[in-house]
Every structure is written in structure tokens, then in C-alpha cells.
């Protein structure tokens, strides 16, 4: 047999070995896997297509889903996983929300510590930068948030139609991806608080948003009981990116170690989208006890620990010299709540939006900067004070004024 014939037979063998099957794209035996946290949903499936796009599909069970959906679409499908439930981790931030909280720290201590005003004084306010807030409900009618919500001009509000053809009806002021709203009347303040830290309008109330002229795309996936699903989170991130978000704020964690979620972050990286993630509030070292998405450690990701008013890390903040990048203010943070209230919250959920706002300021100062340049400027410019070193990769805490200097070198 000549060499060409051998190569032909080898090519056939390799093709046979790599040919996709329903089982190769979807391991339906993983339903009860203990290797990943989060309750699996036996009738909801996250589909990543070869195009890189994601959808969430439903079927009575995995057997029918394989035969009726995967098999006919097999060549266009890259990966399928069961959707899984995710809850906001250790929600100390939720429990401390109040409109009458007594704080020992000045109202804008965090903004002062990170030197945000230095950029405001130069005329950099986050203008022309879109930020996706992937969280719980955002009160788009709040006096300090209403002007900061990105309007979808191609959509006619409240007419029950998908005017712009993006498959989302009435997404005039963002879109809700909460697929299983709680039966109670509870509305979480978390998303509104996070949004206020990023972009609250200085002229409309007491909260000083870090990037007060950035625009927010609300895409909530967490319900009033602080629960959601990974599939809903992925769809929300994909939506915000499609609407033009350069930054995604993900102030949540405790997610399963799912390939689909990681792949969604990778797709955002391919689109040049920065994802800012809360490190978590369990007081653990992520290098040894990884929690997701904080521990993915992807090129477009910044994972944020919390700092207090004395510039120390609180005991409950997650940490890690490899997987957590820097710290930012996250204790007794005053921000917007629903129904035009303000209140304090604690958590790495509050620290992450300081960094999202900082990135928006830098992009408004230098719109042509790459994702890598923005990330590097933020990480190389942290304040590191002797005996105040943080157990994070940079050892330090966010300083936006120094980050701008680093970016402009």
C-alpha cells in the first residue's frame, strides 16, 4: 500500500473518531453530578451553537431533547448542558440594605479613596461607554438612574411587539431574563444599588456614581428571592453585548463550574468585552476553594475583592493571590435603592461596580484603548500600602487617577 493510500485511510479514521454525536455534545448523565454545585434543571438545556451564540431550550426530558432537537441540528451545535440554578452567595449585602442605615463612614468615602474626582475634573465621566448590569431588578425610574439607562431607539415601548427584530419584545429600557419570577411581591434592591455605584447621576441626588455619564443596559436574571439560572445569566450577558456593552458587571457568584458559563465569558472576550466579577463573600481563598465565575481567570476578566474605609480587606471578602486581581471599596457603601431610596450595603457585589465604573472612565478618556490596555492600566496602578497589602494578585486597591496615568504612558 502506497503512502497516499495510508494517508487516506488515516484521514477516514480521524474523521470517524471526531464525528459529532448527540452524546459527544451533550452528556445527559451529568444531571446529578456532584462535581458542580447548583441544582440541575432536567427540562432546561443551554445550547451553544457553532456560531458562538447561546440559546436556552426546553423539553420534557433529555431523551426527547436529544432525538427531537439535538439530532436534527447536530452539525450546528457545539455544546449542550443542563441549565442549573444559581443563588446570590452569602447575601450580607442584601441584609444590610436600608434607607435609614447609620454609617460610620462618610457617604462618598469609596469615591474619595479611589480618586474618581481626579477624572471628573478632567471632563471624563464615562460618556459614550455602555455597561451591562447582569444582576437583579434595576429601578429604571429612580431619579438618579433614569437618565443613565440606555434607550433602545429602535423599539417602541409597551406595544407588545419586537420592533427591532432582535427577538426581544419591548426591550426599550433593557430586558428581563428572569424566567421564573418569584411568587412573592419581593423586589431585590441589589441591582439598583450596583447600578447607582456605577453611574448614578450626580445632579439628581446624593449618590456619586463613579461614571455618571456612562449608560446602563439592565439585563436582570436574578429574581426577588435572589435566585436565577445560569442559562438566564448567559442570555443576559449575550443580550447586553449585542446592544453594544463594552463592560459587563457580574456582582454575583456561587455558580456551578459549567463549561457553558466559561464559554460565554470566552465569547465576550472575543468581542472585546470586559467582565468585572465579584470575588464573593465567604471569606475563602479562591486559589484553593474556587468559586465561579470569579475563578475562571480569563483574559477579559477582573475579579474584585472588598476594601473597607481603613483600607483593609474585611474578613468575609474572598481572596487569592492568583485568581483575585485587586480590591475596591465594598463596606458601608451608600447607593441607590428602589423607589427613590438610598441605603448602605456591604459586599464584593459593591466592590465590583467601582471597577466597572473605573473602566468606563478610562474608556471615555481613551476610547481607542483595547480591553487589555484598560485591564492592565487598572491592575498596574493599584495603591499598595505597607502593612495594608491585600491578598490579591496585585496586592493593592483600585486607584483610578493612577490608572489614567498608566493608560496614558
Protein backbone atom coordinates (compact mmCIF):
# COMPACT_ATOMS: atom_id res chain seq x y z
CA UNK A 1 0.00 0.00 0.00
CA UNK A 2 1.46 3.37 -1.01
CA UNK A 3 1.83 6.41 1.23
CA UNK A 4 -1.17 8.23 -0.29
CA UNK A 5 -3.44 5.31 0.47
CA UNK A 6 -2.21 5.21 4.06
CA UNK A 7 -2.89 8.93 4.49
CA UNK A 8 -6.38 8.46 3.02
CA UNK A 9 -7.20 5.66 5.47
CA UNK A 10 -5.79 7.71 8.35
CA UNK A 11 -7.97 10.68 7.37
CA UNK A 12 -11.06 8.46 7.32
CA UNK A 13 -10.16 7.07 10.76
CA UNK A 14 -9.64 10.53 12.22
CA UNK A 15 -12.94 11.75 10.78
CA UNK A 16 -14.73 8.79 12.32
CA UNK A 17 -13.12 9.47 15.69
CA UNK A 18 -14.01 13.15 15.68
CA UNK A 19 -17.51 12.92 14.20
CA UNK A 20 -20.06 14.58 16.43
CA UNK A 21 -22.82 12.58 18.08
CA UNK A 22 -25.66 13.59 20.37
CA UNK A 23 -23.72 12.09 23.26
CA UNK A 24 -20.49 13.91 22.40
CA UNK A 25 -22.17 17.33 22.51
CA UNK A 26 -24.43 16.52 25.47
CA UNK A 27 -23.54 14.28 28.40
CA UNK A 28 -27.02 13.67 29.78
CA UNK A 29 -25.56 11.51 32.55
CA UNK A 30 -24.27 14.69 34.25
CA UNK A 31 -27.68 15.66 35.63
CA UNK A 32 -26.88 14.73 39.20
CA UNK A 33 -23.14 15.32 39.07
CA UNK A 34 -21.69 16.36 42.40
CA UNK A 35 -18.64 17.88 40.71
CA UNK A 36 -20.60 21.06 40.02
CA UNK A 37 -22.77 22.89 42.51
CA UNK A 38 -26.23 24.13 41.64
CA UNK A 39 -29.45 22.23 41.17
CA UNK A 40 -29.71 20.89 37.64
CA UNK A 41 -32.93 21.63 35.75
CA UNK A 42 -33.96 18.45 33.97
CA UNK A 43 -36.14 20.20 31.39
CA UNK A 44 -33.95 23.22 30.50
CA UNK A 45 -30.89 22.99 28.28
CA UNK A 46 -28.19 25.54 27.44
CA UNK A 47 -27.19 25.22 23.79
CA UNK A 48 -24.04 26.78 22.37
CA UNK A 49 -24.16 26.86 18.59
CA UNK A 50 -21.15 26.64 16.30
CA UNK A 51 -21.65 30.37 15.64
CA UNK A 52 -20.81 31.00 19.31
CA UNK A 53 -24.34 32.14 20.13
CA UNK A 54 -26.31 30.63 23.02
CA UNK A 55 -29.95 29.70 23.41
CA UNK A 56 -31.87 28.07 26.26
CA UNK A 57 -34.26 25.36 25.15
CA UNK A 58 -36.87 23.30 26.97
CA UNK A 59 -38.10 19.73 26.59
CA UNK A 60 -39.92 17.26 28.84
CA UNK A 61 -36.73 15.24 29.33
CA UNK A 62 -33.24 14.65 27.97
CA UNK A 63 -34.19 11.68 25.82
CA UNK A 64 -36.74 13.65 23.85
CA UNK A 65 -34.42 16.64 23.64
CA UNK A 66 -31.70 14.52 22.09
CA UNK A 67 -33.97 12.96 19.49
CA UNK A 68 -36.21 15.92 18.66
CA UNK A 69 -33.79 18.84 18.92
CA UNK A 70 -30.13 17.85 19.05
CA UNK A 71 -30.20 15.17 16.35
CA UNK A 72 -31.75 17.37 13.62
CA UNK A 73 -29.43 20.29 14.50
CA UNK A 74 -26.32 18.32 15.39
CA UNK A 75 -23.92 19.81 12.87
CA UNK A 76 -24.71 23.34 14.05
CA UNK A 77 -24.41 22.58 17.78
CA UNK A 78 -21.12 22.89 19.67
CA UNK A 79 -22.14 22.07 23.25
CA UNK A 80 -25.24 21.32 25.34
CA UNK A 81 -25.54 21.31 29.12
CA UNK A 82 -28.36 21.14 31.61
CA UNK A 83 -29.26 24.57 32.90
CA UNK A 84 -28.62 24.94 36.63
CA UNK A 85 -29.98 27.08 39.43
CA UNK A 86 -27.74 29.75 40.92
CA UNK A 87 -28.36 31.87 44.02
CA UNK A 88 -26.64 35.02 45.19
CA UNK A 89 -23.95 33.84 47.59
CA UNK A 90 -23.82 34.89 51.25
CA UNK A 91 -26.03 37.92 50.80
CA UNK A 92 -24.74 40.13 53.61
CA UNK A 93 -25.18 43.00 51.15
CA UNK A 94 -28.91 42.28 50.90
CA UNK A 95 -29.40 42.06 54.64
CA UNK A 96 -27.75 45.41 55.32
CA UNK A 97 -29.79 47.38 52.76
CA UNK A 98 -31.81 50.10 54.44
CA UNK A 99 -32.89 53.64 53.74
CA UNK A 100 -32.07 54.71 57.32
CA UNK A 101 -28.78 52.91 57.94
CA UNK A 102 -26.33 54.66 60.27
CA UNK A 103 -22.85 54.53 58.77
CA UNK A 104 -19.54 55.20 60.47
CA UNK A 105 -18.01 56.08 57.09
CA UNK A 106 -18.52 59.26 55.03
CA UNK A 107 -21.12 58.83 52.29
CA UNK A 108 -18.60 59.06 49.44
CA UNK A 109 -15.58 57.52 51.14
CA UNK A 110 -15.13 54.97 48.37
CA UNK A 111 -15.20 57.56 45.59
CA UNK A 112 -12.65 59.62 47.53
CA UNK A 113 -10.35 56.67 48.23
CA UNK A 114 -10.13 55.61 44.58
CA UNK A 115 -9.65 59.25 43.47
CA UNK A 116 -12.52 59.27 40.99
CA UNK A 117 -12.86 63.04 41.22
CA UNK A 118 -9.49 63.48 39.53
CA UNK A 119 -11.00 62.13 36.32
CA UNK A 120 -14.25 64.07 36.73
CA UNK A 121 -12.19 67.25 36.99
CA UNK A 122 -10.62 66.40 33.62
CA UNK A 123 -14.04 66.00 32.00
CA UNK A 124 -14.05 62.18 31.97
CA UNK A 125 -17.37 60.84 33.21
CA UNK A 126 -17.76 57.55 31.34
CA UNK A 127 -19.51 59.25 28.43
CA UNK A 128 -20.15 57.08 25.35
CA UNK A 129 -19.49 53.86 27.27
CA UNK A 130 -22.23 51.22 27.66
CA UNK A 131 -22.24 48.89 30.68
CA UNK A 132 -24.40 45.79 31.04
CA UNK A 133 -25.64 45.23 34.59
CA UNK A 134 -26.34 41.49 34.81
CA UNK A 135 -27.99 41.27 38.20
CA UNK A 136 -31.43 41.62 39.77
CA UNK A 137 -34.11 44.23 39.02
CA UNK A 138 -32.86 47.75 38.23
CA UNK A 139 -35.26 50.57 39.07
CA UNK A 140 -35.14 52.47 35.78
CA UNK A 141 -37.46 55.13 37.25
CA UNK A 142 -35.14 56.03 40.12
CA UNK A 143 -34.35 59.76 39.94
CA UNK A 144 -30.60 59.18 39.83
CA UNK A 145 -30.75 56.25 37.41
CA UNK A 146 -33.45 57.18 34.89
CA UNK A 147 -31.19 59.38 32.76
CA UNK A 148 -28.43 56.76 32.81
CA UNK A 149 -30.43 53.92 31.21
CA UNK A 150 -29.57 53.28 27.56
CA UNK A 151 -32.71 53.66 25.46
CA UNK A 152 -33.22 51.26 22.56
CA UNK A 153 -34.36 53.79 19.98
CA UNK A 154 -35.36 51.05 17.55
CA UNK A 155 -38.02 49.73 19.93
CA UNK A 156 -41.44 51.27 20.57
CA UNK A 157 -42.17 50.89 24.29
CA UNK A 158 -45.08 48.84 25.59
CA UNK A 159 -46.66 47.94 22.26
CA UNK A 160 -46.15 44.21 22.71
CA UNK A 161 -44.05 43.93 19.55
CA UNK A 162 -40.43 43.16 18.69
CA UNK A 163 -39.98 46.31 16.63
CA UNK A 164 -36.24 45.98 16.04
CA UNK A 165 -36.31 42.25 15.25
CA UNK A 166 -33.81 41.22 17.93
CA UNK A 167 -36.21 38.60 19.35
CA UNK A 168 -36.95 40.63 22.49
CA UNK A 169 -40.32 42.33 22.85
CA UNK A 170 -40.45 45.87 24.26
CA UNK A 171 -36.77 45.99 25.26
CA UNK A 172 -36.87 49.77 25.25
CA UNK A 173 -35.06 50.13 28.60
CA UNK A 174 -33.31 46.78 28.73
CA UNK A 175 -34.83 43.34 29.05
CA UNK A 176 -35.60 40.96 31.90
CA UNK A 177 -34.18 37.45 31.64
CA UNK A 178 -35.83 36.23 34.83
CA UNK A 179 -37.51 33.06 33.56
CA UNK A 180 -39.05 32.05 36.88
CA UNK A 181 -40.13 35.17 38.80
CA UNK A 182 -40.82 34.54 42.48
CA UNK A 183 -44.41 34.31 43.54
CA UNK A 184 -43.92 36.93 46.26
CA UNK A 185 -44.04 40.68 45.76
CA UNK A 186 -40.41 40.98 46.89
CA UNK A 187 -38.20 43.15 44.69
CA UNK A 188 -34.47 42.96 45.27
CA UNK A 189 -32.56 46.23 45.80
CA UNK A 190 -29.29 44.62 44.72
CA UNK A 191 -29.35 45.56 41.03
CA UNK A 192 -30.34 49.16 41.70
CA UNK A 193 -27.60 49.52 44.32
CA UNK A 194 -24.95 48.15 41.95
CA UNK A 195 -26.17 50.42 39.14
CA UNK A 196 -26.01 53.51 41.36
CA UNK A 197 -22.40 52.81 42.30
CA UNK A 198 -21.51 52.67 38.62
CA UNK A 199 -23.48 55.53 37.13
CA UNK A 200 -25.78 57.47 39.49
CA UNK A 201 -26.39 60.98 38.14
CA UNK A 202 -24.57 63.49 40.38
CA UNK A 203 -27.07 66.23 39.58
CA UNK A 204 -30.17 64.27 40.59
CA UNK A 205 -29.42 63.17 44.14
CA UNK A 206 -26.82 62.38 46.81
CA UNK A 207 -25.09 59.35 45.24
CA UNK A 208 -21.91 60.00 43.29
CA UNK A 209 -21.74 57.38 40.55
CA UNK A 210 -18.18 56.55 39.51
CA UNK A 211 -19.03 57.04 35.82
CA UNK A 212 -22.05 59.38 35.95
CA UNK A 213 -22.39 59.77 32.19
CA UNK A 214 -21.97 56.11 31.25
CA UNK A 215 -25.09 54.38 30.02
CA UNK A 216 -26.51 51.23 31.62
CA UNK A 217 -28.16 48.29 29.87
CA UNK A 218 -30.19 46.50 32.56
CA UNK A 219 -30.48 42.75 31.94
CA UNK A 220 -31.70 41.19 35.20
CA UNK A 221 -31.73 37.42 35.66
CA UNK A 222 -31.98 37.16 39.47
CA UNK A 223 -35.48 37.21 40.96
CA UNK A 224 -36.74 38.82 44.16
CA UNK A 225 -35.66 35.79 46.18
CA UNK A 226 -32.07 36.11 44.91
CA UNK A 227 -32.23 33.11 42.60
CA UNK A 228 -31.82 32.63 38.87
CA UNK A 229 -30.32 30.22 36.39
CA UNK A 230 -27.01 30.06 34.55
CA UNK A 231 -28.83 29.91 31.22
CA UNK A 232 -30.64 33.15 32.02
CA UNK A 233 -27.35 34.81 33.02
CA UNK A 234 -25.71 33.75 29.76
CA UNK A 235 -28.61 35.09 27.70
CA UNK A 236 -28.49 38.37 29.65
CA UNK A 237 -24.76 38.81 29.01
CA UNK A 238 -25.19 37.95 25.34
CA UNK A 239 -28.00 40.50 25.05
CA UNK A 240 -26.00 43.30 26.68
CA UNK A 241 -23.05 42.59 24.40
CA UNK A 242 -25.28 42.63 21.32
CA UNK A 243 -26.60 46.03 22.44
CA UNK A 244 -23.04 47.36 22.47
CA UNK A 245 -21.87 46.97 26.08
CA UNK A 246 -18.08 47.24 26.45
CA UNK A 247 -18.25 46.25 30.13
CA UNK A 248 -20.33 43.60 31.90
CA UNK A 249 -20.76 43.89 35.67
CA UNK A 250 -21.37 40.50 37.29
CA UNK A 251 -21.88 41.14 41.01
CA UNK A 252 -22.89 37.57 41.76
CA UNK A 253 -21.28 34.22 42.29
CA UNK A 254 -21.84 30.79 43.70
CA UNK A 255 -22.38 29.49 40.17
CA UNK A 256 -21.66 25.93 39.06
CA UNK A 257 -18.38 25.17 37.30
CA UNK A 258 -20.17 24.91 33.97
CA UNK A 259 -18.47 24.80 30.58
CA UNK A 260 -21.29 26.89 29.09
CA UNK A 261 -20.73 29.77 31.51
CA UNK A 262 -17.00 29.77 30.88
CA UNK A 263 -17.61 29.61 27.13
CA UNK A 264 -19.92 32.61 27.42
CA UNK A 265 -17.09 34.60 29.02
CA UNK A 266 -14.78 33.46 26.20
CA UNK A 267 -17.26 34.70 23.59
CA UNK A 268 -17.36 38.07 25.36
CA UNK A 269 -13.56 38.13 25.25
CA UNK A 270 -13.71 37.52 21.50
CA UNK A 271 -15.92 40.60 21.22
CA UNK A 272 -13.62 42.77 23.33
CA UNK A 273 -15.98 42.94 26.32
CA UNK A 274 -14.52 43.37 29.82
CA UNK A 275 -16.28 41.33 32.53
CA UNK A 276 -15.94 42.57 36.13
CA UNK A 277 -16.80 39.89 38.69
CA UNK A 278 -17.35 39.97 42.46
CA UNK A 279 -14.90 37.70 44.30
CA UNK A 280 -17.54 36.55 46.81
CA UNK A 281 -18.29 36.99 50.47
CA UNK A 282 -17.45 33.64 52.13
CA UNK A 283 -14.00 34.62 53.41
CA UNK A 284 -12.32 31.87 51.39
CA UNK A 285 -9.18 31.70 49.26
CA UNK A 286 -10.31 31.11 45.68
CA UNK A 287 -6.91 29.69 44.78
CA UNK A 288 -7.72 26.68 46.96
CA UNK A 289 -11.53 26.72 47.02
CA UNK A 290 -12.58 28.10 43.63
CA UNK A 291 -15.99 29.68 43.21
CA UNK A 292 -17.42 30.64 39.84
CA UNK A 293 -17.45 32.77 37.78
CA UNK A 294 -14.88 34.53 40.00
CA UNK A 295 -12.26 31.79 39.49
CA UNK A 296 -12.41 31.47 35.68
CA UNK A 297 -9.34 33.74 35.34
CA UNK A 298 -9.91 34.65 31.69
CA UNK A 299 -8.09 37.43 29.78
CA UNK A 300 -11.17 39.70 29.73
CA UNK A 301 -11.99 39.20 33.42
CA UNK A 302 -11.23 41.25 36.52
CA UNK A 303 -12.20 39.65 39.85
CA UNK A 304 -12.62 42.10 42.71
CA UNK A 305 -12.24 41.76 46.49
CA UNK A 306 -13.60 44.24 49.05
CA UNK A 307 -11.83 47.03 50.96
CA UNK A 308 -13.08 48.94 53.99
CA UNK A 309 -12.76 52.61 54.93
CA UNK A 310 -9.46 51.94 56.73
CA UNK A 311 -8.06 50.34 53.55
CA UNK A 312 -8.05 46.79 54.86
CA UNK A 313 -9.74 43.68 53.50
CA UNK A 314 -12.75 42.63 55.62
CA UNK A 315 -12.57 39.06 56.91
CA UNK A 316 -15.56 37.96 54.85
CA UNK A 317 -14.13 39.00 51.47
CA UNK A 318 -12.89 36.19 49.25
CA UNK A 319 -9.26 36.49 48.25
CA UNK A 320 -6.47 34.76 46.31
CA UNK A 321 -3.02 35.73 45.04
CA UNK A 322 -3.72 34.09 41.67
CA UNK A 323 -7.43 34.37 40.97
CA UNK A 324 -8.44 37.69 42.57
CA UNK A 325 -6.96 40.73 40.87
CA UNK A 326 -7.46 43.77 43.10
CA UNK A 327 -9.60 45.23 45.86
CA UNK A 328 -12.11 48.11 45.75
CA UNK A 329 -14.42 49.74 48.31
CA UNK A 330 -17.06 47.27 49.45
CA UNK A 331 -18.06 48.10 53.04
CA UNK A 332 -20.78 50.55 54.08
CA UNK A 333 -21.32 51.68 50.51
CA UNK A 334 -24.17 54.15 50.06
CA UNK A 335 -26.07 53.87 46.80
CA UNK A 336 -29.48 53.93 45.16
CA UNK A 337 -32.28 51.54 46.10
CA UNK A 338 -35.72 51.02 44.59
CA UNK A 339 -38.44 53.62 45.00
CA UNK A 340 -36.00 56.54 45.21
CA UNK A 341 -34.47 55.35 48.47
CA UNK A 342 -30.79 55.20 49.31
CA UNK A 343 -29.06 52.76 51.62
CA UNK A 344 -25.84 51.04 52.61
CA UNK A 345 -24.72 47.60 51.53
CA UNK A 346 -21.61 45.53 52.20
CA UNK A 347 -20.12 43.01 49.82
CA UNK A 348 -17.80 42.31 46.93
CA UNK A 349 -21.00 42.94 44.96
CA UNK A 350 -20.39 46.61 45.79
CA UNK A 351 -16.66 46.47 45.05
CA UNK A 352 -17.08 45.16 41.50
CA UNK A 353 -19.10 48.16 40.23
CA UNK A 354 -16.37 50.53 41.45
CA UNK A 355 -14.08 48.77 38.97
CA UNK A 356 -16.71 48.73 36.22
CA UNK A 357 -17.16 52.46 36.66
CA UNK A 358 -13.39 52.96 36.67
CA UNK A 359 -13.06 51.09 33.36
CA UNK A 360 -15.78 53.30 31.88
CA UNK A 361 -13.89 56.43 32.97
CA UNK A 362 -10.72 55.16 31.33
CA UNK A 363 -12.51 54.29 28.10
CA UNK A 364 -14.12 57.75 27.99
CA UNK A 365 -10.63 59.24 28.39
CA UNK A 366 -9.11 56.99 25.72
CA UNK A 367 -11.88 55.50 23.54
CA UNK A 368 -9.49 53.60 21.26
CA UNK A 369 -7.83 51.70 24.12
CA UNK A 370 -8.02 47.93 23.89
CA UNK A 371 -9.54 45.70 26.53
CA UNK A 372 -6.06 44.52 27.50
CA UNK A 373 -4.82 48.11 27.86
CA UNK A 374 -7.73 49.05 30.13
CA UNK A 375 -7.28 45.94 32.28
CA UNK A 376 -3.52 46.39 32.54
CA UNK A 377 -3.88 50.06 33.49
CA UNK A 378 -6.28 49.18 36.31
CA UNK A 379 -4.07 46.40 37.67
CA UNK A 380 -0.71 48.16 37.38
CA UNK A 381 -1.86 51.30 39.16
CA UNK A 382 -3.26 49.99 42.44
CA UNK A 383 -2.37 51.56 45.75
CA UNK A 384 -0.18 49.20 47.79
CA UNK A 385 0.40 50.49 51.31
CA UNK A 386 2.86 48.82 53.67
CA UNK A 387 1.07 46.59 56.19
CA UNK A 388 -2.16 47.08 54.20
CA UNK A 389 -1.29 44.64 51.44
CA UNK A 390 -4.29 42.75 50.11
CA UNK A 391 -4.26 39.03 49.48
CA UNK A 392 -4.87 39.56 45.78
CA UNK A 393 -2.75 39.28 42.66
CA UNK A 394 -1.71 42.96 42.66
CA UNK A 395 -1.54 43.28 46.48
CA UNK A 396 -3.46 46.53 46.13
CA UNK A 397 -6.65 48.55 45.91
CA UNK A 398 -8.13 50.46 42.96
CA UNK A 399 -6.82 53.96 42.23
CA UNK A 400 -8.48 55.47 39.14
CA UNK A 401 -6.30 58.58 38.95
CA UNK A 402 -3.15 56.47 38.81
CA UNK A 403 -4.85 54.12 36.30
CA UNK A 404 -5.37 57.04 33.91
CA UNK A 405 -1.70 57.96 34.22
CA UNK A 406 -0.76 54.35 33.49
CA UNK A 407 -3.06 54.26 30.45
CA UNK A 408 -1.59 57.47 29.04
CA UNK A 409 2.04 56.39 29.29
